[in-house]
Amino acid sequence: MVVLRLEDLRTGETGRIVKIKGNGPFRLRLMEMGFIPGAEVKVIRYAPLKDPVEYEIKGYHVSLRHEEAAKILVEKVS
């Protein structure tokens, strides 16, 4: 299993969440949005200036900045 940061995935790629780094309100907010270990997240598109990035998780779309996505570790799903 190769573990990447969520920000390393490209448009159209899907990853399965392995771990969320960090703690406190940020981590709790991500988990409330569905970013929990085992959930699959797909990269939908990058903004024109590459930040933020739109992701699809559990049937809805959410945008995260690169610094936020860097704290989410995923394994690539083929």
N, C-alpha and C. Protein backbone atom coordinates (compact mmCIF):
# COMPACT_ATOMS: atom_id res chain seq x y z
N MET A 1 0.85 -1.18 0.00
CA MET A 1 0.00 0.00 0.00
C MET A 1 0.89 1.24 0.00
N VAL A 2 0.67 2.10 -0.98
CA VAL A 2 1.40 3.35 -1.08
C VAL A 2 0.50 4.46 -0.53
N VAL A 3 1.00 5.19 0.45
CA VAL A 3 0.22 6.26 1.07
C VAL A 3 0.68 7.60 0.52
N LEU A 4 -0.28 8.39 0.05
CA LEU A 4 -0.05 9.72 -0.50
C LEU A 4 -0.83 10.74 0.30
N ARG A 5 -0.52 11.99 0.07
CA ARG A 5 -1.36 13.06 0.61
C ARG A 5 -2.50 13.29 -0.39
N LEU A 6 -3.65 13.68 0.08
CA LEU A 6 -4.79 13.91 -0.80
C LEU A 6 -4.44 14.93 -1.88
N GLU A 7 -3.63 15.92 -1.55
CA GLU A 7 -3.28 16.95 -2.52
C GLU A 7 -2.43 16.40 -3.67
N ASP A 8 -1.87 15.19 -3.52
CA ASP A 8 -1.04 14.60 -4.57
C ASP A 8 -1.85 13.93 -5.67
N LEU A 9 -3.14 13.69 -5.43
CA LEU A 9 -3.99 13.08 -6.46
C LEU A 9 -4.32 14.12 -7.52
N ARG A 10 -4.52 13.65 -8.74
CA ARG A 10 -4.84 14.54 -9.87
C ARG A 10 -6.31 14.40 -10.25
N THR A 11 -6.78 15.29 -11.10
CA THR A 11 -8.17 15.30 -11.54
C THR A 11 -8.60 13.91 -12.03
N GLY A 12 -9.73 13.44 -11.51
CA GLY A 12 -10.28 12.15 -11.90
C GLY A 12 -9.80 10.98 -11.07
N GLU A 13 -8.75 11.16 -10.28
CA GLU A 13 -8.24 10.06 -9.46
C GLU A 13 -9.02 9.94 -8.15
N THR A 14 -9.04 8.73 -7.61
CA THR A 14 -9.77 8.44 -6.38
C THR A 14 -8.82 7.86 -5.36
N GLY A 15 -9.02 8.25 -4.10
CA GLY A 15 -8.21 7.71 -3.02
C GLY A 15 -9.09 7.29 -1.86
N ARG A 16 -8.60 6.33 -1.08
CA ARG A 16 -9.30 5.87 0.12
C ARG A 16 -8.55 6.45 1.31
N ILE A 17 -9.27 7.12 2.19
CA ILE A 17 -8.64 7.80 3.32
C ILE A 17 -8.07 6.78 4.30
N VAL A 18 -6.81 7.01 4.67
CA VAL A 18 -6.11 6.15 5.61
C VAL A 18 -6.03 6.83 6.98
N LYS A 19 -5.70 8.13 6.97
CA LYS A 19 -5.52 8.84 8.24
C LYS A 19 -5.66 10.34 8.02
N ILE A 20 -6.13 11.03 9.05
CA ILE A 20 -6.18 12.49 9.04
C ILE A 20 -5.21 12.97 10.10
N LYS A 21 -4.20 13.72 9.66
CA LYS A 21 -3.21 14.25 10.59
C LYS A 21 -3.77 15.52 11.24
N GLY A 22 -3.19 15.87 12.36
CA GLY A 22 -3.64 17.07 13.06
C GLY A 22 -4.66 16.71 14.12
N ASN A 23 -5.13 17.73 14.81
CA ASN A 23 -6.13 17.52 15.85
C ASN A 23 -6.94 18.79 16.06
N GLY A 24 -7.84 18.75 16.98
CA GLY A 24 -8.64 19.92 17.30
C GLY A 24 -9.76 20.18 16.32
N PRO A 25 -10.20 21.43 16.24
CA PRO A 25 -11.37 21.80 15.43
C PRO A 25 -11.24 21.47 13.95
N PHE A 26 -10.03 21.61 13.40
CA PHE A 26 -9.84 21.31 11.98
C PHE A 26 -10.14 19.85 11.68
N ARG A 27 -9.56 18.96 12.46
CA ARG A 27 -9.76 17.52 12.25
C ARG A 27 -11.23 17.14 12.46
N LEU A 28 -11.84 17.69 13.47
CA LEU A 28 -13.25 17.43 13.75
C LEU A 28 -14.14 17.90 12.59
N ARG A 29 -13.84 19.07 12.05
CA ARG A 29 -14.62 19.61 10.93
C ARG A 29 -14.52 18.69 9.72
N LEU A 30 -13.31 18.21 9.43
CA LEU A 30 -13.15 17.28 8.30
C LEU A 30 -13.94 16.00 8.51
N MET A 31 -13.87 15.47 9.71
CA MET A 31 -14.59 14.22 10.00
C MET A 31 -16.10 14.42 9.91
N GLU A 32 -16.58 15.57 10.32
CA GLU A 32 -18.02 15.86 10.20
C GLU A 32 -18.46 15.94 8.75
N MET A 33 -17.54 16.33 7.85
CA MET A 33 -17.85 16.42 6.43
C MET A 33 -17.73 15.07 5.73
N GLY A 34 -17.33 14.02 6.46
CA GLY A 34 -17.25 12.70 5.87
C GLY A 34 -15.85 12.20 5.60
N PHE A 35 -14.85 13.00 5.91
CA PHE A 35 -13.45 12.58 5.71
C PHE A 35 -13.04 11.69 6.87
N ILE A 36 -13.42 10.44 6.78
CA ILE A 36 -13.11 9.46 7.83
C ILE A 36 -12.33 8.31 7.19
N PRO A 37 -11.50 7.62 7.96
CA PRO A 37 -10.75 6.49 7.40
C PRO A 37 -11.68 5.48 6.73
N GLY A 38 -11.28 5.05 5.52
CA GLY A 38 -12.07 4.10 4.75
C GLY A 38 -12.94 4.74 3.69
N ALA A 39 -13.24 6.03 3.84
CA ALA A 39 -14.09 6.72 2.85
C ALA A 39 -13.29 6.99 1.58
N GLU A 40 -13.96 6.91 0.44
CA GLU A 40 -13.32 7.20 -0.84
C GLU A 40 -13.60 8.64 -1.24
N VAL A 41 -12.57 9.29 -1.76
CA VAL A 41 -12.68 10.69 -2.17
C VAL A 41 -12.10 10.82 -3.58
N LYS A 42 -12.82 11.53 -4.44
CA LYS A 42 -12.42 11.69 -5.84
C LYS A 42 -12.11 13.16 -6.11
N VAL A 43 -11.04 13.39 -6.89
CA VAL A 43 -10.67 14.76 -7.28
C VAL A 43 -11.54 15.13 -8.48
N ILE A 44 -12.33 16.18 -8.34
CA ILE A 44 -13.22 16.63 -9.42
C ILE A 44 -12.52 17.64 -10.32
N ARG A 45 -12.01 18.72 -9.73
CA ARG A 45 -11.30 19.73 -10.53
C ARG A 45 -10.52 20.69 -9.64
N TYR A 46 -9.54 21.29 -10.28
CA TYR A 46 -8.74 22.33 -9.64
C TYR A 46 -9.28 23.69 -10.03
N ALA A 47 -9.20 24.65 -9.13
CA ALA A 47 -9.57 26.03 -9.44
C ALA A 47 -8.56 26.58 -10.45
N PRO A 48 -8.90 27.67 -11.15
CA PRO A 48 -7.98 28.22 -12.16
C PRO A 48 -6.56 28.50 -11.63
N LEU A 49 -6.44 28.90 -10.40
CA LEU A 49 -5.11 29.16 -9.83
C LEU A 49 -4.61 27.99 -8.99
N LYS A 50 -5.21 26.81 -9.20
CA LYS A 50 -4.83 25.53 -8.55
C LYS A 50 -5.20 25.43 -7.07
N ASP A 51 -5.87 26.42 -6.52
CA ASP A 51 -6.24 26.36 -5.11
C ASP A 51 -7.54 27.14 -4.94
N PRO A 52 -8.60 26.62 -4.41
CA PRO A 52 -8.75 25.30 -3.81
C PRO A 52 -9.03 24.21 -4.86
N VAL A 53 -9.22 23.00 -4.36
CA VAL A 53 -9.52 21.84 -5.20
C VAL A 53 -10.88 21.30 -4.80
N GLU A 54 -11.69 20.95 -5.79
CA GLU A 54 -13.01 20.38 -5.53
C GLU A 54 -12.92 18.86 -5.47
N TYR A 55 -13.47 18.29 -4.40
CA TYR A 55 -13.48 16.84 -4.19
C TYR A 55 -14.92 16.36 -4.07
N GLU A 56 -15.12 15.08 -4.37
CA GLU A 56 -16.42 14.44 -4.14
C GLU A 56 -16.22 13.35 -3.10
N ILE A 57 -17.02 13.41 -2.04
CA ILE A 57 -16.96 12.41 -0.98
C ILE A 57 -18.37 12.16 -0.49
N LYS A 58 -18.72 10.89 -0.40
CA LYS A 58 -20.05 10.47 0.09
C LYS A 58 -21.19 11.15 -0.68
N GLY A 59 -21.00 11.37 -1.98
CA GLY A 59 -22.06 11.90 -2.83
C GLY A 59 -22.19 13.41 -2.85
N TYR A 60 -21.33 14.14 -2.17
CA TYR A 60 -21.42 15.59 -2.27
C TYR A 60 -20.04 16.18 -2.54
N HIS A 61 -20.03 17.44 -2.95
CA HIS A 61 -18.80 18.11 -3.36
C HIS A 61 -18.34 19.07 -2.27
N VAL A 62 -17.03 19.09 -2.05
CA VAL A 62 -16.45 19.98 -1.05
C VAL A 62 -15.12 20.49 -1.60
N SER A 63 -14.78 21.73 -1.28
CA SER A 63 -13.51 22.31 -1.72
C SER A 63 -12.58 22.44 -0.53
N LEU A 64 -11.32 22.05 -0.75
CA LEU A 64 -10.29 22.18 0.27
C LEU A 64 -9.08 22.88 -0.31
N ARG A 65 -8.39 23.64 0.52
CA ARG A 65 -7.13 24.23 0.12
C ARG A 65 -6.05 23.15 0.14
N HIS A 66 -4.96 23.42 -0.57
CA HIS A 66 -3.86 22.44 -0.60
C HIS A 66 -3.32 22.17 0.80
N GLU A 67 -3.21 23.20 1.62
CA GLU A 67 -2.66 23.00 2.97
C GLU A 67 -3.57 22.11 3.81
N GLU A 68 -4.87 22.15 3.56
CA GLU A 68 -5.81 21.27 4.27
C GLU A 68 -5.71 19.84 3.72
N ALA A 69 -5.67 19.72 2.39
CA ALA A 69 -5.61 18.40 1.76
C ALA A 69 -4.31 17.68 2.08
N ALA A 70 -3.26 18.43 2.39
CA ALA A 70 -1.97 17.82 2.72
C ALA A 70 -2.03 17.05 4.04
N LYS A 71 -3.01 17.33 4.86
CA LYS A 71 -3.13 16.67 6.16
C LYS A 71 -3.96 15.38 6.09
N ILE A 72 -4.46 15.05 4.90
CA ILE A 72 -5.27 13.84 4.72
C ILE A 72 -4.45 12.83 3.94
N LEU A 73 -4.19 11.69 4.54
CA LEU A 73 -3.41 10.63 3.89
C LEU A 73 -4.36 9.63 3.25
N VAL A 74 -4.06 9.27 1.99
CA VAL A 74 -4.91 8.36 1.23
C VAL A 74 -4.07 7.29 0.53
N GLU A 75 -4.74 6.20 0.19
CA GLU A 75 -4.13 5.21 -0.71
C GLU A 75 -4.91 5.31 -2.01
N LYS A 76 -4.20 5.28 -3.13
CA LYS A 76 -4.81 5.44 -4.44
C LYS A 76 -5.68 4.23 -4.76
N VAL A 77 -6.87 4.47 -5.30
CA VAL A 77 -7.80 3.41 -5.70
C VAL A 77 -7.79 3.39 -7.22
N SER A 78 -7.59 2.20 -7.80
CA SER A 78 -7.54 2.13 -9.27
C SER A 78 -8.89 1.89 -9.87
